């Protein structure tokens, strides 16, 4: 795979789009877990019937897992970016 074309506006736009697609399911899943956990925490705090201490504990587990997914996606994106920039350096040398 050739390095990204960062000399033109179209090339930069294409590279930004490429970076947005890296680890997208992981990032979206993490965000969904975080939002779901926040909603479950609110419902538990309001005293919704049927939600006891188990729901409160589950919500914090979901929150931790969600943030772990988001951080993992950021890490994957940064690794991809570094790898692509190395390709660019090799091509320009």
PDB file of N, CA and C in Angstrom:
ATOM      1  N   UNK A   1       0.851  -1.174   0.000  1.00  0.00           N
ATOM      2  CA  UNK A   1       0.000   0.000   0.000  1.00  0.00           C
ATOM      3  C   UNK A   1       0.897   1.238   0.000  1.00  0.00           C
ATOM      4  N   UNK A   2       0.723   2.103  -0.973  1.00  0.00           N
ATOM      5  CA  UNK A   2       1.558   3.309  -1.023  1.00  0.00           C
ATOM      6  C   UNK A   2       1.208   4.279   0.102  1.00  0.00           C
ATOM      7  N   UNK A   3       2.148   5.153   0.418  1.00  0.00           N
ATOM      8  CA  UNK A   3       1.908   6.155   1.441  1.00  0.00           C
ATOM      9  C   UNK A   3       0.831   7.141   1.009  1.00  0.00           C
ATOM     10  N   UNK A   4       0.251   7.854   1.957  1.00  0.00           N
ATOM     11  CA  UNK A   4      -0.810   8.804   1.617  1.00  0.00           C
ATOM     12  C   UNK A   4      -0.266  10.003   0.847  1.00  0.00           C
ATOM     13  N   UNK A   5      -1.097  10.556  -0.016  1.00  0.00           N
ATOM     14  CA  UNK A   5      -0.737  11.756  -0.781  1.00  0.00           C
ATOM     15  C   UNK A   5      -1.180  12.972   0.030  1.00  0.00           C
ATOM     16  N   UNK A   6      -0.245  13.589   0.718  1.00  0.00           N
ATOM     17  CA  UNK A   6      -0.575  14.729   1.564  1.00  0.00           C
ATOM     18  C   UNK A   6      -0.259  16.063   0.889  1.00  0.00           C
ATOM     19  N   UNK A   7       0.113  16.022  -0.381  1.00  0.00           N
ATOM     20  CA  UNK A   7       0.468  17.245  -1.094  1.00  0.00           C
ATOM     21  C   UNK A   7      -0.744  17.955  -1.692  1.00  0.00           C
ATOM     22  N   UNK A   8      -1.866  17.265  -1.813  1.00  0.00           N
ATOM     23  CA  UNK A   8      -3.053  17.884  -2.415  1.00  0.00           C
ATOM     24  C   UNK A   8      -4.210  17.858  -1.416  1.00  0.00           C
ATOM     25  N   UNK A   9      -5.163  18.737  -1.638  1.00  0.00           N
ATOM     26  CA  UNK A   9      -6.340  18.773  -0.769  1.00  0.00           C
ATOM     27  C   UNK A   9      -7.129  17.477  -0.846  1.00  0.00           C
ATOM     28  N   UNK A  10      -7.236  16.916  -2.055  1.00  0.00           N
ATOM     29  CA  UNK A  10      -7.974  15.667  -2.230  1.00  0.00           C
ATOM     30  C   UNK A  10      -7.282  14.515  -1.499  1.00  0.00           C
ATOM     31  N   UNK A  11      -5.970  14.492  -1.567  1.00  0.00           N
ATOM     32  CA  UNK A  11      -5.210  13.450  -0.886  1.00  0.00           C
ATOM     33  C   UNK A  11      -5.341  13.531   0.624  1.00  0.00           C
ATOM     34  N   UNK A  12      -5.283  14.751   1.152  1.00  0.00           N
ATOM     35  CA  UNK A  12      -5.459  14.926   2.593  1.00  0.00           C
ATOM     36  C   UNK A  12      -6.863  14.536   3.021  1.00  0.00           C
ATOM     37  N   UNK A  13      -7.867  14.899   2.232  1.00  0.00           N
ATOM     38  CA  UNK A  13      -9.252  14.532   2.555  1.00  0.00           C
ATOM     39  C   UNK A  13      -9.428  13.015   2.527  1.00  0.00           C
ATOM     40  N   UNK A  14      -8.815  12.353   1.554  1.00  0.00           N
ATOM     41  CA  UNK A  14      -8.898  10.895   1.462  1.00  0.00           C
ATOM     42  C   UNK A  14      -8.215  10.240   2.662  1.00  0.00           C
ATOM     43  N   UNK A  15      -7.085  10.799   3.101  1.00  0.00           N
ATOM     44  CA  UNK A  15      -6.380  10.235   4.247  1.00  0.00           C
ATOM     45  C   UNK A  15      -7.175  10.448   5.537  1.00  0.00           C
ATOM     46  N   UNK A  16      -7.808  11.609   5.685  1.00  0.00           N
ATOM     47  CA  UNK A  16      -8.663  11.834   6.859  1.00  0.00           C
ATOM     48  C   UNK A  16      -9.809  10.832   6.887  1.00  0.00           C
ATOM     49  N   UNK A  17     -10.398  10.567   5.735  1.00  0.00           N
ATOM     50  CA  UNK A  17     -11.476   9.591   5.650  1.00  0.00           C
ATOM     51  C   UNK A  17     -10.972   8.198   6.021  1.00  0.00           C
ATOM     52  N   UNK A  18      -9.781   7.856   5.538  1.00  0.00           N
ATOM     53  CA  UNK A  18      -9.171   6.564   5.866  1.00  0.00           C
ATOM     54  C   UNK A  18      -8.976   6.431   7.384  1.00  0.00           C
ATOM     55  N   UNK A  19      -8.479   7.489   8.017  1.00  0.00           N
ATOM     56  CA  UNK A  19      -8.259   7.446   9.465  1.00  0.00           C
ATOM     57  C   UNK A  19      -9.567   7.325  10.238  1.00  0.00           C
ATOM     58  N   UNK A  20     -10.638   7.968   9.746  1.00  0.00           N
ATOM     59  CA  UNK A  20     -11.930   7.866  10.420  1.00  0.00           C
ATOM     60  C   UNK A  20     -12.472   6.440  10.400  1.00  0.00           C
ATOM     61  N   UNK A  21     -12.117   5.670   9.373  1.00  0.00           N
ATOM     62  CA  UNK A  21     -12.625   4.309   9.237  1.00  0.00           C
ATOM     63  C   UNK A  21     -11.833   3.283  10.050  1.00  0.00           C
ATOM     64  N   UNK A  22     -10.647   3.662  10.523  1.00  0.00           N
ATOM     65  CA  UNK A  22      -9.823   2.737  11.298  1.00  0.00           C
ATOM     66  C   UNK A  22     -10.479   2.487  12.657  1.00  0.00           C
ATOM     67  N   UNK A  23     -10.709   1.224  12.976  1.00  0.00           N
ATOM     68  CA  UNK A  23     -11.282   0.785  14.257  1.00  0.00           C
ATOM     69  C   UNK A  23     -12.638   1.424  14.541  1.00  0.00           C
ATOM     70  N   UNK A  24     -13.382   1.738  13.507  1.00  0.00           N
ATOM     71  CA  UNK A  24     -14.692   2.385  13.688  1.00  0.00           C
ATOM     72  C   UNK A  24     -15.666   1.522  14.503  1.00  0.00           C
ATOM     73  N   UNK A  25     -15.781   0.202  14.227  1.00  0.00           N
ATOM     74  CA  UNK A  25     -16.708  -0.607  15.033  1.00  0.00           C
ATOM     75  C   UNK A  25     -16.332  -0.638  16.516  1.00  0.00           C
ATOM     76  N   UNK A  26     -15.041  -0.675  16.791  1.00  0.00           N
ATOM     77  CA  UNK A  26     -14.586  -0.681  18.183  1.00  0.00           C
ATOM     78  C   UNK A  26     -14.931   0.638  18.867  1.00  0.00           C
ATOM     79  N   UNK A  27     -14.712   1.736  18.164  1.00  0.00           N
ATOM     80  CA  UNK A  27     -15.017   3.052  18.709  1.00  0.00           C
ATOM     81  C   UNK A  27     -16.520   3.224  18.915  1.00  0.00           C
ATOM     82  N   UNK A  28     -17.319   2.801  17.947  1.00  0.00           N
ATOM     83  CA  UNK A  28     -18.778   2.921  18.050  1.00  0.00           C
ATOM     84  C   UNK A  28     -19.319   2.021  19.154  1.00  0.00           C
ATOM     85  N   UNK A  29     -18.789   0.815  19.255  1.00  0.00           N
ATOM     86  CA  UNK A  29     -19.218  -0.093  20.324  1.00  0.00           C
ATOM     87  C   UNK A  29     -18.874   0.450  21.700  1.00  0.00           C
ATOM     88  N   UNK A  30     -17.700   1.027  21.828  1.00  0.00           N
ATOM     89  CA  UNK A  30     -17.303   1.624  23.101  1.00  0.00           C
ATOM     90  C   UNK A  30     -18.199   2.787  23.480  1.00  0.00           C
ATOM     91  N   UNK A  31     -18.512   3.614  22.500  1.00  0.00           N
ATOM     92  CA  UNK A  31     -19.402   4.740  22.761  1.00  0.00           C
ATOM     93  C   UNK A  31     -20.796   4.260  23.164  1.00  0.00           C
ATOM     94  N   UNK A  32     -21.283   3.213  22.486  1.00  0.00           N
ATOM     95  CA  UNK A  32     -22.596   2.660  22.827  1.00  0.00           C
ATOM     96  C   UNK A  32     -22.598   2.105  24.251  1.00  0.00           C
ATOM     97  N   UNK A  33     -21.523   1.436  24.648  1.00  0.00           N
ATOM     98  CA  UNK A  33     -21.434   0.917  26.013  1.00  0.00           C
ATOM     99  C   UNK A  33     -21.420   2.047  27.039  1.00  0.00           C
ATOM    100  N   UNK A  34     -20.688   3.109  26.762  1.00  0.00           N
ATOM    101  CA  UNK A  34     -20.610   4.241  27.693  1.00  0.00           C
ATOM    102  C   UNK A  34     -21.982   4.914  27.837  1.00  0.00           C
ATOM    103  N   UNK A  35     -22.658   5.149  26.714  1.00  0.00           N
ATOM    104  CA  UNK A  35     -23.977   5.788  26.768  1.00  0.00           C
ATOM    105  C   UNK A  35     -24.990   4.873  27.458  1.00  0.00           C
ATOM    106  N   UNK A  36     -24.948   3.575  27.133  1.00  0.00           N
ATOM    107  CA  UNK A  36     -25.846   2.625  27.792  1.00  0.00           C
ATOM    108  C   UNK A  36     -25.608   2.551  29.291  1.00  0.00           C
ATOM    109  N   UNK A  37     -24.349   2.579  29.688  1.00  0.00           N
ATOM    110  CA  UNK A  37     -24.017   2.548  31.118  1.00  0.00           C
ATOM    111  C   UNK A  37     -24.511   3.803  31.813  1.00  0.00           C
ATOM    112  N   UNK A  38     -24.361   4.949  31.172  1.00  0.00           N
ATOM    113  CA  UNK A  38     -24.836   6.199  31.779  1.00  0.00           C
ATOM    114  C   UNK A  38     -26.352   6.167  31.953  1.00  0.00           C
ATOM    115  N   UNK A  39     -27.054   5.653  30.958  1.00  0.00           N
ATOM    116  CA  UNK A  39     -28.514   5.561  31.073  1.00  0.00           C
ATOM    117  C   UNK A  39     -28.913   4.596  32.186  1.00  0.00           C
ATOM    118  N   UNK A  40     -28.211   3.469  32.291  1.00  0.00           N
ATOM    119  CA  UNK A  40     -28.514   2.495  33.337  1.00  0.00           C
ATOM    120  C   UNK A  40     -28.225   3.073  34.717  1.00  0.00           C
ATOM    121  N   UNK A  41     -27.176   3.858  34.853  1.00  0.00           N
ATOM    122  CA  UNK A  41     -26.871   4.506  36.130  1.00  0.00           C
ATOM    123  C   UNK A  41     -27.996   5.466  36.508  1.00  0.00           C
ATOM    124  N   UNK A  42     -28.449   6.258  35.541  1.00  0.00           N
ATOM    125  CA  UNK A  42     -29.542   7.191  35.827  1.00  0.00           C
ATOM    126  C   UNK A  42     -30.815   6.469  36.225  1.00  0.00           C
ATOM    127  N   UNK A  43     -31.150   5.401  35.509  1.00  0.00           N
ATOM    128  CA  UNK A  43     -32.353   4.642  35.842  1.00  0.00           C
ATOM    129  C   UNK A  43     -32.248   3.995  37.224  1.00  0.00           C
ATOM    130  N   UNK A  44     -31.067   3.517  37.556  1.00  0.00           N
ATOM    131  CA  UNK A  44     -30.855   2.890  38.857  1.00  0.00           C
ATOM    132  C   UNK A  44     -30.968   3.924  39.978  1.00  0.00           C
ATOM    133  N   UNK A  45     -30.409   5.099  39.755  1.00  0.00           N
ATOM    134  CA  UNK A  45     -30.458   6.152  40.780  1.00  0.00           C
ATOM    135  C   UNK A  45     -31.873   6.690  40.990  1.00  0.00           C
ATOM    136  N   UNK A  46     -32.709   6.625  39.941  1.00  0.00           N
ATOM    137  CA  UNK A  46     -34.090   7.095  40.071  1.00  0.00           C
ATOM    138  C   UNK A  46     -34.965   6.082  40.794  1.00  0.00           C
ATOM    139  N   UNK A  47     -34.435   4.904  41.043  1.00  0.00           N
ATOM    140  CA  UNK A  47     -35.190   3.897  41.765  1.00  0.00           C
ATOM    141  C   UNK A  47     -36.174   3.143  40.890  1.00  0.00           C
ATOM    142  N   UNK A  48     -35.838   2.932  39.638  1.00  0.00           N
ATOM    143  CA  UNK A  48     -36.706   2.193  38.731  1.00  0.00           C
ATOM    144  C   UNK A  48     -36.911   0.782  39.269  1.00  0.00           C
ATOM    145  N   UNK A  49     -38.157   0.334  39.352  1.00  0.00           N
ATOM    146  CA  UNK A  49     -38.440  -1.006  39.886  1.00  0.00           C
ATOM    147  C   UNK A  49     -37.730  -2.098  39.077  1.00  0.00           C
ATOM    148  N   UNK A  50     -37.189  -3.063  39.765  1.00  0.00           N
ATOM    149  CA  UNK A  50     -36.510  -4.181  39.122  1.00  0.00           C
ATOM    150  C   UNK A  50     -35.019  -3.969  38.945  1.00  0.00           C
ATOM    151  N   UNK A  51     -34.552  -2.751  39.169  1.00  0.00           N
ATOM    152  CA  UNK A  51     -33.122  -2.480  39.042  1.00  0.00           C
ATOM    153  C   UNK A  51     -32.539  -2.307  40.439  1.00  0.00           C
ATOM    154  N   UNK A  52     -31.752  -3.271  40.826  1.00  0.00           N
ATOM    155  CA  UNK A  52     -31.147  -3.218  42.153  1.00  0.00           C
ATOM    156  C   UNK A  52     -29.664  -2.936  42.068  1.00  0.00           C
ATOM    157  N   UNK A  53     -28.963  -3.438  43.072  1.00  0.00           N
ATOM    158  CA  UNK A  53     -27.513  -3.243  43.122  1.00  0.00           C
ATOM    159  C   UNK A  53     -26.814  -3.906  41.948  1.00  0.00           C
ATOM    160  N   UNK A  54     -27.381  -4.985  41.423  1.00  0.00           N
ATOM    161  CA  UNK A  54     -26.772  -5.670  40.290  1.00  0.00           C
ATOM    162  C   UNK A  54     -26.689  -4.737  39.079  1.00  0.00           C
ATOM    163  N   UNK A  55     -27.709  -3.916  38.878  1.00  0.00           N
ATOM    164  CA  UNK A  55     -27.717  -3.010  37.722  1.00  0.00           C
ATOM    165  C   UNK A  55     -26.662  -1.914  37.888  1.00  0.00           C
ATOM    166  N   UNK A  56     -26.504  -1.461  39.117  1.00  0.00           N
ATOM    167  CA  UNK A  56     -25.498  -0.430  39.392  1.00  0.00           C
ATOM    168  C   UNK A  56     -24.099  -0.979  39.118  1.00  0.00           C
ATOM    169  N   UNK A  57     -23.850  -2.203  39.577  1.00  0.00           N
ATOM    170  CA  UNK A  57     -22.560  -2.840  39.346  1.00  0.00           C
ATOM    171  C   UNK A  57     -22.336  -3.088  37.852  1.00  0.00           C
ATOM    172  N   UNK A  58     -23.368  -3.592  37.171  1.00  0.00           N
ATOM    173  CA  UNK A  58     -23.266  -3.845  35.738  1.00  0.00           C
ATOM    174  C   UNK A  58     -22.981  -2.565  34.963  1.00  0.00           C
ATOM    175  N   UNK A  59     -23.583  -1.478  35.381  1.00  0.00           N
ATOM    176  CA  UNK A  59     -23.384  -0.219  34.668  1.00  0.00           C
ATOM    177  C   UNK A  59     -21.935   0.242  34.769  1.00  0.00           C
ATOM    178  N   UNK A  60     -21.309   0.058  35.901  1.00  0.00           N
ATOM    179  CA  UNK A  60     -19.910   0.451  36.031  1.00  0.00           C
ATOM    180  C   UNK A  60     -18.978  -0.486  35.267  1.00  0.00           C
ATOM    181  N   UNK A  61     -19.338  -1.760  35.177  1.00  0.00           N
ATOM    182  CA  UNK A  61     -18.566  -2.690  34.346  1.00  0.00           C
ATOM    183  C   UNK A  61     -18.681  -2.279  32.883  1.00  0.00           C
ATOM    184  N   UNK A  62     -19.908  -1.927  32.448  1.00  0.00           N
ATOM    185  CA  UNK A  62     -20.117  -1.463  31.073  1.00  0.00           C
ATOM    186  C   UNK A  62     -19.332  -0.186  30.805  1.00  0.00           C
ATOM    187  N   UNK A  63     -19.319   0.714  31.763  1.00  0.00           N
ATOM    188  CA  UNK A  63     -18.590   1.968  31.622  1.00  0.00           C
ATOM    189  C   UNK A  63     -17.094   1.709  31.431  1.00  0.00           C
ATOM    190  N   UNK A  64     -16.547   0.838  32.249  1.00  0.00           N
ATOM    191  CA  UNK A  64     -15.126   0.499  32.119  1.00  0.00           C
ATOM    192  C   UNK A  64     -14.808  -0.176  30.799  1.00  0.00           C
ATOM    193  N   UNK A  65     -15.656  -1.114  30.383  1.00  0.00           N
ATOM    194  CA  UNK A  65     -15.435  -1.814  29.115  1.00  0.00           C
ATOM    195  C   UNK A  65     -15.571  -0.849  27.936  1.00  0.00           C
ATOM    196  N   UNK A  66     -16.520   0.061  28.020  1.00  0.00           N
ATOM    197  CA  UNK A  66     -16.714   1.030  26.948  1.00  0.00           C
ATOM    198  C   UNK A  66     -15.508   1.934  26.776  1.00  0.00           C
ATOM    199  N   UNK A  67     -14.992   2.434  27.879  1.00  0.00           N
ATOM    200  CA  UNK A  67     -13.811   3.306  27.784  1.00  0.00           C
ATOM    201  C   UNK A  67     -12.591   2.516  27.326  1.00  0.00           C
ATOM    202  N   UNK A  68     -12.498   1.251  27.724  1.00  0.00           N
ATOM    203  CA  UNK A  68     -11.387   0.424  27.246  1.00  0.00           C
ATOM    204  C   UNK A  68     -11.465   0.256  25.722  1.00  0.00           C
ATOM    205  N   UNK A  69     -12.678   0.083  25.195  1.00  0.00           N
ATOM    206  CA  UNK A  69     -12.859  -0.021  23.736  1.00  0.00           C
ATOM    207  C   UNK A  69     -12.457   1.279  23.039  1.00  0.00           C
ATOM    208  N   UNK A  70     -12.882   2.400  23.590  1.00  0.00           N
ATOM    209  CA  UNK A  70     -12.555   3.694  22.978  1.00  0.00           C
ATOM    210  C   UNK A  70     -11.044   3.923  22.996  1.00  0.00           C
ATOM    211  N   UNK A  71     -10.406   3.640  24.100  1.00  0.00           N
ATOM    212  CA  UNK A  71      -8.950   3.814  24.195  1.00  0.00           C
ATOM    213  C   UNK A  71      -8.238   2.854  23.249  1.00  0.00           C
ATOM    214  N   UNK A  72      -8.740   1.622  23.136  1.00  0.00           N
ATOM    215  CA  UNK A  72      -8.165   0.662  22.180  1.00  0.00           C
ATOM    216  C   UNK A  72      -8.291   1.148  20.749  1.00  0.00           C
ATOM    217  N   UNK A  73      -9.416   1.772  20.413  1.00  0.00           N
ATOM    218  CA  UNK A  73      -9.615   2.301  19.065  1.00  0.00           C
ATOM    219  C   UNK A  73      -8.657   3.459  18.794  1.00  0.00           C
ATOM    220  N   UNK A  74      -8.454   4.308  19.770  1.00  0.00           N
ATOM    221  CA  UNK A  74      -7.509   5.416  19.619  1.00  0.00           C
ATOM    222  C   UNK A  74      -6.096   4.867  19.409  1.00  0.00           C
ATOM    223  N   UNK A  75      -5.743   3.851  20.174  1.00  0.00           N
ATOM    224  CA  UNK A  75      -4.427   3.226  20.033  1.00  0.00           C
ATOM    225  C   UNK A  75      -4.259   2.627  18.632  1.00  0.00           C
ATOM    226  N   UNK A  76      -5.287   1.924  18.144  1.00  0.00           N
ATOM    227  CA  UNK A  76      -5.223   1.313  16.813  1.00  0.00           C
ATOM    228  C   UNK A  76      -5.090   2.382  15.728  1.00  0.00           C
ATOM    229  N   UNK A  77      -5.814   3.483  15.873  1.00  0.00           N
ATOM    230  CA  UNK A  77      -5.739   4.569  14.897  1.00  0.00           C
ATOM    231  C   UNK A  77      -4.341   5.186  14.882  1.00  0.00           C
ATOM    232  N   UNK A  78      -3.772   5.400  16.052  1.00  0.00           N
ATOM    233  CA  UNK A  78      -2.423   5.972  16.125  1.00  0.00           C
ATOM    234  C   UNK A  78      -1.379   5.037  15.531  1.00  0.00           C
ATOM    235  N   UNK A  79      -1.519   3.728  15.763  1.00  0.00           N
ATOM    236  CA  UNK A  79      -0.597   2.761  15.154  1.00  0.00           C
ATOM    237  C   UNK A  79      -0.711   2.787  13.639  1.00  0.00           C
ATOM    238  N   UNK A  80      -1.949   2.844  13.140  1.00  0.00           N
ATOM    239  CA  UNK A  80      -2.169   2.902  11.697  1.00  0.00           C
ATOM    240  C   UNK A  80      -1.529   4.165  11.112  1.00  0.00           C
ATOM    241  N   UNK A  81      -1.732   5.281  11.780  1.00  0.00           N
ATOM    242  CA  UNK A  81      -1.174   6.552  11.300  1.00  0.00           C
ATOM    243  C   UNK A  81       0.359   6.493  11.259  1.00  0.00           C
ATOM    244  N   UNK A  82       0.979   5.998  12.306  1.00  0.00           N
ATOM    245  CA  UNK A  82       2.441   5.903  12.332  1.00  0.00           C
ATOM    246  C   UNK A  82       2.949   4.994  11.218  1.00  0.00           C
ATOM    247  N   UNK A  83       2.266   3.876  10.995  1.00  0.00           N
ATOM    248  CA  UNK A  83       2.668   2.949   9.945  1.00  0.00           C
ATOM    249  C   UNK A  83       2.561   3.613   8.564  1.00  0.00           C
ATOM    250  N   UNK A  84       1.488   4.352   8.338  1.00  0.00           N
ATOM    251  CA  UNK A  84       1.307   5.042   7.054  1.00  0.00           C
ATOM    252  C   UNK A  84       2.340   6.155   6.871  1.00  0.00           C
ATOM    253  N   UNK A  85       2.698   6.859   7.924  1.00  0.00           N
ATOM    254  CA  UNK A  85       3.702   7.912   7.812  1.00  0.00           C
ATOM    255  C   UNK A  85       5.083   7.318   7.543  1.00  0.00           C
ATOM    256  N   UNK A  86       5.368   6.135   8.074  1.00  0.00           N
ATOM    257  CA  UNK A  86       6.635   5.462   7.755  1.00  0.00           C
ATOM    258  C   UNK A  86       6.691   5.109   6.284  1.00  0.00           C
ATOM    259  N   UNK A  87       5.559   4.683   5.723  1.00  0.00           N
ATOM    260  CA  UNK A  87       5.502   4.380   4.291  1.00  0.00           C
ATOM    261  C   UNK A  87       5.793   5.636   3.482  1.00  0.00           C
ATOM    262  N   UNK A  88       5.277   6.756   3.944  1.00  0.00           N
ATOM    263  CA  UNK A  88       5.510   8.029   3.257  1.00  0.00           C
ATOM    264  C   UNK A  88       6.989   8.392   3.315  1.00  0.00           C
ATOM    265  N   UNK A  89       7.619   8.189   4.470  1.00  0.00           N
ATOM    266  CA  UNK A  89       9.050   8.499   4.626  1.00  0.00           C
ATOM    267  C   UNK A  89       9.902   7.606   3.733  1.00  0.00           C
ATOM    268  N   UNK A  90       9.550   6.353   3.618  1.00  0.00           N
ATOM    269  CA  UNK A  90      10.316   5.408   2.793  1.00  0.00           C
ATOM    270  C   UNK A  90      10.208   5.804   1.322  1.00  0.00           C
ATOM    271  N   UNK A  91       9.027   6.206   0.902  1.00  0.00           N
ATOM    272  CA  UNK A  91       8.807   6.570  -0.490  1.00  0.00           C
ATOM    273  C   UNK A  91       9.544   7.858  -0.862  1.00  0.00           C
ATOM    274  N   UNK A  92       9.626   8.805   0.086  1.00  0.00           N
ATOM    275  CA  UNK A  92      10.249  10.084  -0.236  1.00  0.00           C
ATOM    276  C   UNK A  92      11.780  10.019  -0.152  1.00  0.00           C
ATOM    277  N   UNK A  93      12.310   8.972   0.472  1.00  0.00           N
ATOM    278  CA  UNK A  93      13.775   8.846   0.587  1.00  0.00           C
ATOM    279  C   UNK A  93      14.393   8.341  -0.673  1.00  0.00           C
TER     280      UNK A  93
END
